[in-house]
PDB file of all heavy atoms in Angstrom:
ATOM      1  N   SER A   1    -120.817 -40.486  72.863  1.00  0.00           N
ATOM      2  CA  SER A   1    -119.546 -40.466  72.120  1.00  0.00           C
ATOM      3  C   SER A   1    -119.673 -40.026  70.665  1.00  0.00           C
ATOM      4  O   SER A   1    -118.976 -40.539  69.782  1.00  0.00           O
ATOM      5  CB  SER A   1    -118.859 -41.839  72.194  1.00  0.00           C
ATOM      6  OG  SER A   1    -118.528 -42.159  73.513  1.00  0.00           O
ATOM      7  N   PHE A   2    -120.560 -39.065  70.400  1.00  0.00           N
ATOM      8  CA  PHE A   2    -120.604 -38.419  69.097  1.00  0.00           C
ATOM      9  C   PHE A   2    -120.002 -37.022  69.243  1.00  0.00           C
ATOM     10  O   PHE A   2    -120.281 -36.317  70.215  1.00  0.00           O
ATOM     11  CB  PHE A   2    -122.037 -38.306  68.577  1.00  0.00           C
ATOM     12  CG  PHE A   2    -122.587 -39.576  68.006  1.00  0.00           C
ATOM     13  CD1 PHE A   2    -123.148 -40.540  68.839  1.00  0.00           C
ATOM     14  CD2 PHE A   2    -122.526 -39.821  66.642  1.00  0.00           C
ATOM     15  CE1 PHE A   2    -123.656 -41.726  68.324  1.00  0.00           C
ATOM     16  CE2 PHE A   2    -123.038 -41.003  66.117  1.00  0.00           C
ATOM     17  CZ  PHE A   2    -123.598 -41.957  66.949  1.00  0.00           C
ATOM     18  N   LEU A   3    -119.163 -36.617  68.282  1.00  0.00           N
ATOM     19  CA  LEU A   3    -118.621 -35.259  68.283  1.00  0.00           C
ATOM     20  C   LEU A   3    -119.583 -34.363  67.523  1.00  0.00           C
ATOM     21  O   LEU A   3    -119.899 -34.629  66.352  1.00  0.00           O
ATOM     22  CB  LEU A   3    -117.238 -35.219  67.637  1.00  0.00           C
ATOM     23  CG  LEU A   3    -116.505 -33.880  67.744  1.00  0.00           C
ATOM     24  CD1 LEU A   3    -116.131 -33.601  69.195  1.00  0.00           C
ATOM     25  CD2 LEU A   3    -115.267 -33.851  66.858  1.00  0.00           C
ATOM     26  N   VAL A   4    -120.050 -33.293  68.184  1.00  0.00           N
ATOM     27  CA  VAL A   4    -121.067 -32.437  67.590  1.00  0.00           C
ATOM     28  C   VAL A   4    -120.664 -30.972  67.710  1.00  0.00           C
ATOM     29  O   VAL A   4    -119.849 -30.589  68.549  1.00  0.00           O
ATOM     30  CB  VAL A   4    -122.436 -32.642  68.270  1.00  0.00           C
ATOM     31  CG1 VAL A   4    -122.916 -34.070  68.103  1.00  0.00           C
ATOM     32  CG2 VAL A   4    -122.365 -32.262  69.757  1.00  0.00           C
ATOM     33  N   GLN A   5    -121.246 -30.155  66.825  1.00  0.00           N
ATOM     34  CA  GLN A   5    -121.176 -28.707  66.945  1.00  0.00           C
ATOM     35  C   GLN A   5    -122.504 -28.229  67.484  1.00  0.00           C
ATOM     36  O   GLN A   5    -123.552 -28.546  66.929  1.00  0.00           O
ATOM     37  CB  GLN A   5    -120.920 -28.064  65.581  1.00  0.00           C
ATOM     38  CG  GLN A   5    -119.493 -28.160  65.094  1.00  0.00           C
ATOM     39  CD  GLN A   5    -119.303 -27.515  63.729  1.00  0.00           C
ATOM     40  OE1 GLN A   5    -120.268 -27.301  63.010  1.00  0.00           O
ATOM     41  NE2 GLN A   5    -118.070 -27.225  63.378  1.00  0.00           N
ATOM     42  N   ASP A   6    -122.449 -27.466  68.569  1.00  0.00           N
ATOM     43  CA  ASP A   6    -123.700 -27.018  69.176  1.00  0.00           C
ATOM     44  C   ASP A   6    -123.418 -25.774  69.998  1.00  0.00           C
ATOM     45  O   ASP A   6    -122.614 -25.797  70.927  1.00  0.00           O
ATOM     46  CB  ASP A   6    -124.282 -28.127  70.063  1.00  0.00           C
ATOM     47  CG  ASP A   6    -125.510 -27.649  70.821  1.00  0.00           C
ATOM     48  OD1 ASP A   6    -126.308 -26.894  70.241  1.00  0.00           O
ATOM     49  OD2 ASP A   6    -125.652 -28.024  71.998  1.00  0.00           O
ATOM     50  N   GLY A   7    -124.066 -24.674  69.662  1.00  0.00           N
ATOM     51  CA  GLY A   7    -123.918 -23.467  70.455  1.00  0.00           C
ATOM     52  C   GLY A   7    -122.630 -22.723  70.165  1.00  0.00           C
ATOM     53  O   GLY A   7    -122.067 -22.788  69.077  1.00  0.00           O
ATOM     54  N   GLN A   8    -122.142 -22.023  71.179  1.00  0.00           N
ATOM     55  CA  GLN A   8    -121.023 -21.106  71.001  1.00  0.00           C
ATOM     56  C   GLN A   8    -120.135 -21.122  72.244  1.00  0.00           C
ATOM     57  O   GLN A   8    -120.612 -21.329  73.357  1.00  0.00           O
ATOM     58  CB  GLN A   8    -121.561 -19.696  70.758  1.00  0.00           C
ATOM     59  CG  GLN A   8    -120.525 -18.626  70.523  1.00  0.00           C
ATOM     60  CD  GLN A   8    -121.153 -17.246  70.513  1.00  0.00           C
ATOM     61  OE1 GLN A   8    -121.441 -16.666  71.566  1.00  0.00           O
ATOM     62  NE2 GLN A   8    -121.392 -16.706  69.323  1.00  0.00           N
ATOM     63  N   THR A   9    -118.846 -20.932  72.034  1.00  0.00           N
ATOM     64  CA  THR A   9    -117.933 -20.717  73.155  1.00  0.00           C
ATOM     65  C   THR A   9    -117.441 -19.269  73.108  1.00  0.00           C
ATOM     66  O   THR A   9    -117.192 -18.725  72.021  1.00  0.00           O
ATOM     67  CB  THR A   9    -116.722 -21.662  73.101  1.00  0.00           C
ATOM     68  OG1 THR A   9    -116.026 -21.482  71.861  1.00  0.00           O
ATOM     69  CG2 THR A   9    -117.166 -23.106  73.234  1.00  0.00           C
ATOM     70  N   ARG A  10    -117.334 -18.661  74.273  1.00  0.00           N
ATOM     71  CA  ARG A  10    -116.804 -17.298  74.369  1.00  0.00           C
ATOM     72  C   ARG A  10    -115.514 -17.328  75.174  1.00  0.00           C
ATOM     73  O   ARG A  10    -115.503 -17.740  76.338  1.00  0.00           O
ATOM     74  CB  ARG A  10    -117.813 -16.357  75.000  1.00  0.00           C
ATOM     75  CG  ARG A  10    -117.251 -14.972  75.338  1.00  0.00           C
ATOM     76  CD  ARG A  10    -118.342 -13.953  75.537  1.00  0.00           C
ATOM     77  NE  ARG A  10    -119.011 -13.638  74.270  1.00  0.00           N
ATOM     78  CZ  ARG A  10    -120.035 -12.792  74.172  1.00  0.00           C
ATOM     79  NH1 ARG A  10    -120.510 -12.193  75.255  1.00  0.00           N
ATOM     80  NH2 ARG A  10    -120.577 -12.546  72.990  1.00  0.00           N
ATOM     81  N   HIS A  11    -114.434 -16.892  74.552  1.00  0.00           N
ATOM     82  CA  HIS A  11    -113.126 -16.815  75.195  1.00  0.00           C
ATOM     83  C   HIS A  11    -112.846 -15.345  75.516  1.00  0.00           C
ATOM     84  O   HIS A  11    -112.807 -14.513  74.596  1.00  0.00           O
ATOM     85  CB  HIS A  11    -112.019 -17.337  74.274  1.00  0.00           C
ATOM     86  CG  HIS A  11    -112.300 -18.677  73.674  1.00  0.00           C
ATOM     87  ND1 HIS A  11    -111.627 -19.815  74.064  1.00  0.00           N
ATOM     88  CD2 HIS A  11    -113.171 -19.066  72.719  1.00  0.00           C
ATOM     89  CE1 HIS A  11    -112.071 -20.849  73.358  1.00  0.00           C
ATOM     90  NE2 HIS A  11    -113.005 -20.423  72.542  1.00  0.00           N
ATOM     91  N   THR A  12    -112.644 -15.020  76.768  1.00  0.00           N
ATOM     92  CA  THR A  12    -112.269 -13.669  77.162  1.00  0.00           C
ATOM     93  C   THR A  12    -110.991 -13.745  77.980  1.00  0.00           C
ATOM     94  O   THR A  12    -110.805 -14.686  78.770  1.00  0.00           O
ATOM     95  CB  THR A  12    -113.373 -12.990  77.992  1.00  0.00           C
ATOM     96  OG1 THR A  12    -113.682 -13.809  79.130  1.00  0.00           O
ATOM     97  CG2 THR A  12    -114.631 -12.795  77.164  1.00  0.00           C
ATOM     98  N   GLY A  13    -110.105 -12.779  77.786  1.00  0.00           N
ATOM     99  CA  GLY A  13    -108.864 -12.885  78.520  1.00  0.00           C
ATOM    100  C   GLY A  13    -107.991 -11.653  78.432  1.00  0.00           C
ATOM    101  O   GLY A  13    -108.273 -10.679  77.723  1.00  0.00           O
ATOM    102  N   LEU A  14    -106.906 -11.723  79.187  1.00  0.00           N
ATOM    103  CA  LEU A  14    -105.880 -10.692  79.235  1.00  0.00           C
ATOM    104  C   LEU A  14    -104.534 -11.363  79.037  1.00  0.00           C
ATOM    105  O   LEU A  14    -104.214 -12.335  79.731  1.00  0.00           O
ATOM    106  CB  LEU A  14    -105.919  -9.958  80.578  1.00  0.00           C
ATOM    107  CG  LEU A  14    -104.723  -9.059  80.905  1.00  0.00           C
ATOM    108  CD1 LEU A  14    -104.672  -7.869  79.951  1.00  0.00           C
ATOM    109  CD2 LEU A  14    -104.775  -8.582  82.359  1.00  0.00           C
ATOM    110  N   GLU A  15    -103.742 -10.842  78.101  1.00  0.00           N
ATOM    111  CA  GLU A  15    -102.404 -11.362  77.857  1.00  0.00           C
ATOM    112  C   GLU A  15    -101.382 -10.268  78.132  1.00  0.00           C
ATOM    113  O   GLU A  15    -101.540  -9.124  77.681  1.00  0.00           O
ATOM    114  CB  GLU A  15    -102.252 -11.837  76.414  1.00  0.00           C
ATOM    115  CG  GLU A  15    -103.034 -13.099  76.088  1.00  0.00           C
ATOM    116  CD  GLU A  15    -102.774 -13.577  74.667  1.00  0.00           C
ATOM    117  OE1 GLU A  15    -102.188 -12.806  73.875  1.00  0.00           O
ATOM    118  OE2 GLU A  15    -103.159 -14.709  74.346  1.00  0.00           O
ATOM    119  N   LEU A  16    -100.323 -10.626  78.848  1.00  0.00           N
ATOM    120  CA  LEU A  16     -99.205  -9.725  79.118  1.00  0.00           C
ATOM    121  C   LEU A  16     -97.924 -10.425  78.691  1.00  0.00           C
ATOM    122  O   LEU A  16     -97.741 -11.619  78.976  1.00  0.00           O
ATOM    123  CB  LEU A  16     -99.128  -9.372  80.608  1.00  0.00           C
ATOM    124  CG  LEU A  16    -100.382  -8.760  81.242  1.00  0.00           C
ATOM    125  CD1 LEU A  16    -100.217  -8.670  82.756  1.00  0.00           C
ATOM    126  CD2 LEU A  16    -100.650  -7.376  80.655  1.00  0.00           C
ATOM    127  N   ALA A  17     -97.031  -9.718  78.020  1.00  0.00           N
ATOM    128  CA  ALA A  17     -95.796 -10.338  77.547  1.00  0.00           C
ATOM    129  C   ALA A  17     -94.663  -9.322  77.581  1.00  0.00           C
ATOM    130  O   ALA A  17     -94.879  -8.111  77.441  1.00  0.00           O
ATOM    131  CB  ALA A  17     -95.963 -10.892  76.141  1.00  0.00           C
ATOM    132  N   ALA A  18     -93.455  -9.828  77.787  1.00  0.00           N
ATOM    133  CA  ALA A  18     -92.254  -8.991  77.800  1.00  0.00           C
ATOM    134  C   ALA A  18     -91.096  -9.801  77.226  1.00  0.00           C
ATOM    135  O   ALA A  18     -90.958 -10.991  77.519  1.00  0.00           O
ATOM    136  CB  ALA A  18     -91.921  -8.519  79.213  1.00  0.00           C
ATOM    137  N   GLN A  19     -90.280  -9.152  76.423  1.00  0.00           N
ATOM    138  CA  GLN A  19     -89.089  -9.823  75.917  1.00  0.00           C
ATOM    139  C   GLN A  19     -88.025  -8.792  75.623  1.00  0.00           C
ATOM    140  O   GLN A  19     -88.322  -7.642  75.305  1.00  0.00           O
ATOM    141  CB  GLN A  19     -89.398 -10.618  74.648  1.00  0.00           C
ATOM    142  CG  GLN A  19     -89.798  -9.789  73.447  1.00  0.00           C
ATOM    143  CD  GLN A  19     -90.060 -10.642  72.229  1.00  0.00           C
ATOM    144  OE1 GLN A  19     -90.849 -11.581  72.260  1.00  0.00           O
ATOM    145  NE2 GLN A  19     -89.407 -10.310  71.132  1.00  0.00           N
ATOM    146  N   GLY A  20     -86.770  -9.211  75.764  1.00  0.00           N
ATOM    147  CA  GLY A  20     -85.665  -8.306  75.475  1.00  0.00           C
ATOM    148  C   GLY A  20     -84.570  -8.406  76.518  1.00  0.00           C
ATOM    149  O   GLY A  20     -84.553  -9.296  77.374  1.00  0.00           O
ATOM    150  N   ARG A  21     -83.662  -7.458  76.461  1.00  0.00           N
ATOM    151  CA  ARG A  21     -82.485  -7.437  77.328  1.00  0.00           C
ATOM    152  C   ARG A  21     -82.736  -6.534  78.527  1.00  0.00           C
ATOM    153  O   ARG A  21     -82.983  -5.332  78.361  1.00  0.00           O
ATOM    154  CB  ARG A  21     -81.271  -6.965  76.535  1.00  0.00           C
ATOM    155  CG  ARG A  21     -79.943  -7.097  77.268  1.00  0.00           C
ATOM    156  CD  ARG A  21     -78.795  -6.707  76.349  1.00  0.00           C
ATOM    157  NE  ARG A  21     -78.669  -7.641  75.246  1.00  0.00           N
ATOM    158  CZ  ARG A  21     -77.978  -8.775  75.302  1.00  0.00           C
ATOM    159  NH1 ARG A  21     -77.351  -9.105  76.436  1.00  0.00           N
ATOM    160  NH2 ARG A  21     -77.906  -9.563  74.263  1.00  0.00           N
ATOM    161  N   VAL A  22     -82.671  -7.134  79.718  1.00  0.00           N
ATOM    162  CA  VAL A  22     -82.853  -6.363  80.950  1.00  0.00           C
ATOM    163  C   VAL A  22     -81.598  -5.540  81.222  1.00  0.00           C
ATOM    164  O   VAL A  22     -81.649  -4.351  81.511  1.00  0.00           O
ATOM    165  CB  VAL A  22     -83.167  -7.291  82.130  1.00  0.00           C
ATOM    166  CG1 VAL A  22     -83.351  -6.476  83.414  1.00  0.00           C
ATOM    167  CG2 VAL A  22     -84.413  -8.115  81.849  1.00  0.00           C
ATOM    168  N   PHE A  23     -80.427  -6.187  81.184  1.00  0.00           N
ATOM    169  CA  PHE A  23     -79.142  -5.506  81.204  1.00  0.00           C
ATOM    170  C   PHE A  23     -78.188  -6.306  80.326  1.00  0.00           C
ATOM    171  O   PHE A  23     -78.607  -7.262  79.669  1.00  0.00           O
ATOM    172  CB  PHE A  23     -78.615  -5.297  82.632  1.00  0.00           C
ATOM    173  CG  PHE A  23     -78.601  -6.533  83.474  1.00  0.00           C
ATOM    174  CD1 PHE A  23     -77.548  -7.433  83.438  1.00  0.00           C
ATOM    175  CD2 PHE A  23     -79.662  -6.797  84.343  1.00  0.00           C
ATOM    176  CE1 PHE A  23     -77.546  -8.564  84.230  1.00  0.00           C
ATOM    177  CE2 PHE A  23     -79.665  -7.929  85.139  1.00  0.00           C
ATOM    178  CZ  PHE A  23     -78.604  -8.811  85.081  1.00  0.00           C
ATOM    179  N   ASP A  24     -76.935  -5.929  80.273  1.00  0.00           N
ATOM    180  CA  ASP A  24     -76.016  -6.466  79.270  1.00  0.00           C
ATOM    181  C   ASP A  24     -75.997  -7.988  79.218  1.00  0.00           C
ATOM    182  O   ASP A  24     -75.893  -8.577  78.143  1.00  0.00           O
ATOM    183  CB  ASP A  24     -74.595  -5.947  79.530  1.00  0.00           C
ATOM    184  CG  ASP A  24     -74.459  -4.478  79.162  1.00  0.00           C
ATOM    185  OD1 ASP A  24     -75.349  -3.976  78.456  1.00  0.00           O
ATOM    186  OD2 ASP A  24     -73.474  -3.844  79.585  1.00  0.00           O
ATOM    187  N   ALA A  25     -76.098  -8.659  80.360  1.00  0.00           N
ATOM    188  CA  ALA A  25     -75.907 -10.106  80.374  1.00  0.00           C
ATOM    189  C   ALA A  25     -77.201 -10.909  80.452  1.00  0.00           C
ATOM    190  O   ALA A  25     -77.169 -12.127  80.330  1.00  0.00           O
ATOM    191  CB  ALA A  25     -75.009 -10.494  81.556  1.00  0.00           C
ATOM    192  N   LEU A  26     -78.341 -10.251  80.669  1.00  0.00           N
ATOM    193  CA  LEU A  26     -79.580 -10.977  80.931  1.00  0.00           C
ATOM    194  C   LEU A  26     -80.657 -10.662  79.897  1.00  0.00           C
ATOM    195  O   LEU A  26     -81.016  -9.502  79.694  1.00  0.00           O
ATOM    196  CB  LEU A  26     -80.104 -10.647  82.331  1.00  0.00           C
ATOM    197  CG  LEU A  26     -81.404 -11.344  82.752  1.00  0.00           C
ATOM    198  CD1 LEU A  26     -81.213 -12.850  82.824  1.00  0.00           C
ATOM    199  CD2 LEU A  26     -81.906 -10.814  84.088  1.00  0.00           C
ATOM    200  N   ASN A  27     -81.183 -11.717  79.263  1.00  0.00           N
ATOM    201  CA  ASN A  27     -82.328 -11.615  78.367  1.00  0.00           C
ATOM    202  C   ASN A  27     -83.502 -12.383  78.973  1.00  0.00           C
ATOM    203  O   ASN A  27     -83.303 -13.467  79.557  1.00  0.00           O
ATOM    204  CB  ASN A  27     -82.010 -12.217  77.000  1.00  0.00           C
ATOM    205  CG  ASN A  27     -81.089 -11.332  76.186  1.00  0.00           C
ATOM    206  OD1 ASN A  27     -81.440 -10.213  75.841  1.00  0.00           O
ATOM    207  ND2 ASN A  27     -79.893 -11.835  75.887  1.00  0.00           N
ATOM    208  N   ILE A  28     -84.699 -11.843  78.804  1.00  0.00           N
ATOM    209  CA  ILE A  28     -85.889 -12.541  79.293  1.00  0.00           C
ATOM    210  C   ILE A  28     -86.937 -12.606  78.193  1.00  0.00           C
ATOM    211  O   ILE A  28     -87.009 -11.737  77.319  1.00  0.00           O
ATOM    212  CB  ILE A  28     -86.497 -11.879  80.553  1.00  0.00           C
ATOM    213  CG1 ILE A  28     -87.150 -10.527  80.205  1.00  0.00           C
ATOM    214  CG2 ILE A  28     -85.474 -11.719  81.647  1.00  0.00           C
ATOM    215  CD1 ILE A  28     -88.019  -9.981  81.317  1.00  0.00           C
ATOM    216  N   TYR A  29     -87.721 -13.681  78.240  1.00  0.00           N
ATOM    217  CA  TYR A  29     -88.867 -13.861  77.345  1.00  0.00           C
ATOM    218  C   TYR A  29     -89.967 -14.452  78.217  1.00  0.00           C
ATOM    219  O   TYR A  29     -89.808 -15.556  78.741  1.00  0.00           O
ATOM    220  CB  TYR A  29     -88.532 -14.810  76.196  1.00  0.00           C
ATOM    221  CG  TYR A  29     -87.267 -14.459  75.457  1.00  0.00           C
ATOM    222  CD1 TYR A  29     -86.027 -14.905  75.921  1.00  0.00           C
ATOM    223  CD2 TYR A  29     -87.305 -13.683  74.302  1.00  0.00           C
ATOM    224  CE1 TYR A  29     -84.859 -14.586  75.245  1.00  0.00           C
ATOM    225  CE2 TYR A  29     -86.147 -13.359  73.619  1.00  0.00           C
ATOM    226  CZ  TYR A  29     -84.921 -13.815  74.101  1.00  0.00           C
ATOM    227  OH  TYR A  29     -83.769 -13.488  73.431  1.00  0.00           O
ATOM    228  N   GLY A  30     -91.040 -13.720  78.392  1.00  0.00           N
ATOM    229  CA  GLY A  30     -92.057 -14.223  79.311  1.00  0.00           C
ATOM    230  C   GLY A  30     -93.419 -13.639  79.038  1.00  0.00           C
ATOM    231  O   GLY A  30     -93.584 -12.655  78.311  1.00  0.00           O
ATOM    232  N   GLY A  31     -94.411 -14.276  79.645  1.00  0.00           N
ATOM    233  CA  GLY A  31     -95.763 -13.788  79.512  1.00  0.00           C
ATOM    234  C   GLY A  31     -96.715 -14.553  80.391  1.00  0.00           C
ATOM    235  O   GLY A  31     -96.376 -15.613  80.936  1.00  0.00           O
ATOM    236  N   MET A  32     -97.902 -14.013  80.541  1.00  0.00           N
ATOM    237  CA  MET A  32     -98.949 -14.677  81.310  1.00  0.00           C
ATOM    238  C   MET A  32    -100.293 -14.383  80.673  1.00  0.00           C
ATOM    239  O   MET A  32    -100.476 -13.341  80.039  1.00  0.00           O
ATOM    240  CB  MET A  32     -98.919 -14.242  82.775  1.00  0.00           C
ATOM    241  CG  MET A  32     -99.118 -12.768  83.012  1.00  0.00           C
ATOM    242  SD  MET A  32     -99.004 -12.338  84.786  1.00  0.00           S
ATOM    243  CE  MET A  32     -97.284 -12.719  85.102  1.00  0.00           C
ATOM    244  N   THR A  33    -101.210 -15.319  80.841  1.00  0.00           N
ATOM    245  CA  THR A  33    -102.540 -15.187  80.268  1.00  0.00           C
ATOM    246  C   THR A  33    -103.587 -15.530  81.317  1.00  0.00           C
ATOM    247  O   THR A  33    -103.498 -16.577  81.966  1.00  0.00           O
ATOM    248  CB  THR A  33    -102.718 -16.122  79.055  1.00  0.00           C
ATOM    249  OG1 THR A  33    -101.735 -15.807  78.070  1.00  0.00           O
ATOM    250  CG2 THR A  33    -104.105 -15.954  78.445  1.00  0.00           C
ATOM    251  N   PHE A  34    -104.544 -14.639  81.490  1.00  0.00           N
ATOM    252  CA  PHE A  34    -105.715 -14.885  82.316  1.00  0.00           C
ATOM    253  C   PHE A  34    -106.898 -15.040  81.359  1.00  0.00           C
ATOM    254  O   PHE A  34    -107.153 -14.145  80.549  1.00  0.00           O
ATOM    255  CB  PHE A  34    -105.979 -13.723  83.275  1.00  0.00           C
ATOM    256  CG  PHE A  34    -104.811 -13.366  84.148  1.00  0.00           C
ATOM    257  CD1 PHE A  34    -103.822 -12.502  83.692  1.00  0.00           C
ATOM    258  CD2 PHE A  34    -104.695 -13.890  85.427  1.00  0.00           C
ATOM    259  CE1 PHE A  34    -102.742 -12.165  84.493  1.00  0.00           C
ATOM    260  CE2 PHE A  34    -103.617 -13.558  86.236  1.00  0.00           C
ATOM    261  CZ  PHE A  34    -102.645 -12.695  85.768  1.00  0.00           C
ATOM    262  N   SER A  35    -107.614 -16.143  81.439  1.00  0.00           N
ATOM    263  CA  SER A  35    -108.686 -16.353  80.464  1.00  0.00           C
ATOM    264  C   SER A  35    -109.867 -17.078  81.092  1.00  0.00           C
ATOM    265  O   SER A  35    -109.724 -17.808  82.073  1.00  0.00           O
ATOM    266  CB  SER A  35    -108.169 -17.154  79.266  1.00  0.00           C
ATOM    267  OG  SER A  35    -107.792 -18.453  79.650  1.00  0.00           O
ATOM    268  N   ARG A  36    -111.027 -16.848  80.490  1.00  0.00           N
ATOM    269  CA  ARG A  36    -112.257 -17.563  80.839  1.00  0.00           C
ATOM    270  C   ARG A  36    -112.882 -18.041  79.536  1.00  0.00           C
ATOM    271  O   ARG A  36    -113.006 -17.278  78.582  1.00  0.00           O
ATOM    272  CB  ARG A  36    -113.244 -16.652  81.579  1.00  0.00           C
ATOM    273  CG  ARG A  36    -112.779 -16.200  82.944  1.00  0.00           C
ATOM    274  CD  ARG A  36    -112.798 -17.329  83.960  1.00  0.00           C
ATOM    275  NE  ARG A  36    -114.118 -17.865  84.173  1.00  0.00           N
ATOM    276  CZ  ARG A  36    -114.992 -17.360  85.059  1.00  0.00           C
ATOM    277  NH1 ARG A  36    -114.678 -16.307  85.772  1.00  0.00           N
ATOM    278  NH2 ARG A  36    -116.172 -17.917  85.208  1.00  0.00           N
ATOM    279  N   THR A  37    -113.288 -19.290  79.511  1.00  0.00           N
ATOM    280  CA  THR A  37    -113.917 -19.859  78.320  1.00  0.00           C
ATOM    281  C   THR A  37    -115.221 -20.508  78.727  1.00  0.00           C
ATOM    282  O   THR A  37    -115.231 -21.485  79.482  1.00  0.00           O
ATOM    283  CB  THR A  37    -112.999 -20.900  77.656  1.00  0.00           C
ATOM    284  OG1 THR A  37    -111.743 -20.286  77.361  1.00  0.00           O
ATOM    285  CG2 THR A  37    -113.611 -21.405  76.370  1.00  0.00           C
ATOM    286  N   LYS A  38    -116.327 -19.966  78.244  1.00  0.00           N
ATOM    287  CA  LYS A  38    -117.652 -20.440  78.628  1.00  0.00           C
ATOM    288  C   LYS A  38    -118.414 -20.951  77.415  1.00  0.00           C
ATOM    289  O   LYS A  38    -118.302 -20.407  76.315  1.00  0.00           O
ATOM    290  CB  LYS A  38    -118.459 -19.313  79.285  1.00  0.00           C
ATOM    291  CG  LYS A  38    -117.885 -18.800  80.600  1.00  0.00           C
ATOM    292  CD  LYS A  38    -118.034 -19.828  81.704  1.00  0.00           C
ATOM    293  CE  LYS A  38    -117.622 -19.234  83.057  1.00  0.00           C
ATOM    294  NZ  LYS A  38    -117.788 -20.212  84.145  1.00  0.00           N
ATOM    295  N   ILE A  39    -119.215 -21.996  77.639  1.00  0.00           N
ATOM    296  CA  ILE A  39    -120.108 -22.513  76.607  1.00  0.00           C
ATOM    297  C   ILE A  39    -121.425 -21.731  76.675  1.00  0.00           C
ATOM    298  O   ILE A  39    -122.016 -21.584  77.746  1.00  0.00           O
ATOM    299  CB  ILE A  39    -120.347 -24.019  76.794  1.00  0.00           C
ATOM    300  CG1 ILE A  39    -119.029 -24.783  76.659  1.00  0.00           C
ATOM    301  CG2 ILE A  39    -121.371 -24.541  75.797  1.00  0.00           C
ATOM    302  CD1 ILE A  39    -119.137 -26.272  76.926  1.00  0.00           C
ATOM    303  N   ARG A  40    -121.880 -21.218  75.530  1.00  0.00           N
ATOM    304  CA  ARG A  40    -123.084 -20.396  75.463  1.00  0.00           C
ATOM    305  C   ARG A  40    -124.011 -20.924  74.370  1.00  0.00           C
ATOM    306  O   ARG A  40    -123.578 -21.577  73.429  1.00  0.00           O
ATOM    307  CB  ARG A  40    -122.735 -18.928  75.152  1.00  0.00           C
ATOM    308  CG  ARG A  40    -121.681 -18.333  76.039  1.00  0.00           C
ATOM    309  CD  ARG A  40    -121.188 -16.987  75.531  1.00  0.00           C
ATOM    310  NE  ARG A  40    -122.222 -15.958  75.645  1.00  0.00           N
ATOM    311  CZ  ARG A  40    -122.735 -15.310  74.614  1.00  0.00           C
ATOM    312  NH1 ARG A  40    -122.331 -15.597  73.384  1.00  0.00           N
ATOM    313  NH2 ARG A  40    -123.663 -14.383  74.793  1.00  0.00           N
ATOM    314  N   LYS A  41    -125.277 -20.615  74.506  1.00  0.00           N
ATOM    315  CA  LYS A  41    -126.273 -20.876  73.461  1.00  0.00           C
ATOM    316  C   LYS A  41    -126.258 -22.332  72.988  1.00  0.00           C
ATOM    317  O   LYS A  41    -126.402 -22.615  71.794  1.00  0.00           O
ATOM    318  CB  LYS A  41    -126.038 -19.946  72.269  1.00  0.00           C
ATOM    319  CG  LYS A  41    -126.077 -18.464  72.610  1.00  0.00           C
ATOM    320  CD  LYS A  41    -125.776 -17.618  71.388  1.00  0.00           C
ATOM    321  CE  LYS A  41    -125.767 -16.146  71.726  1.00  0.00           C
ATOM    322  NZ  LYS A  41    -125.438 -15.305  70.548  1.00  0.00           N
ATOM    323  N   ALA A  42    -126.079 -23.247  73.898  1.00  0.00           N
ATOM    324  CA  ALA A  42    -126.045 -24.667  73.544  1.00  0.00           C
ATOM    325  C   ALA A  42    -127.188 -25.403  74.232  1.00  0.00           C
ATOM    326  O   ALA A  42    -127.825 -24.894  75.157  1.00  0.00           O
ATOM    327  CB  ALA A  42    -124.702 -25.279  73.951  1.00  0.00           C
TER     328      ALA A  42
END
């Protein structure tokens, strides 16, 4: 139960996002993220 700094984390990912008016009455705001986060050199 000690909080320590040790090594490195590598975050890799892909982000996709869209926002705006699809047609006169419909607005959308959305996105998705695919990511991997690994602990390295620890």
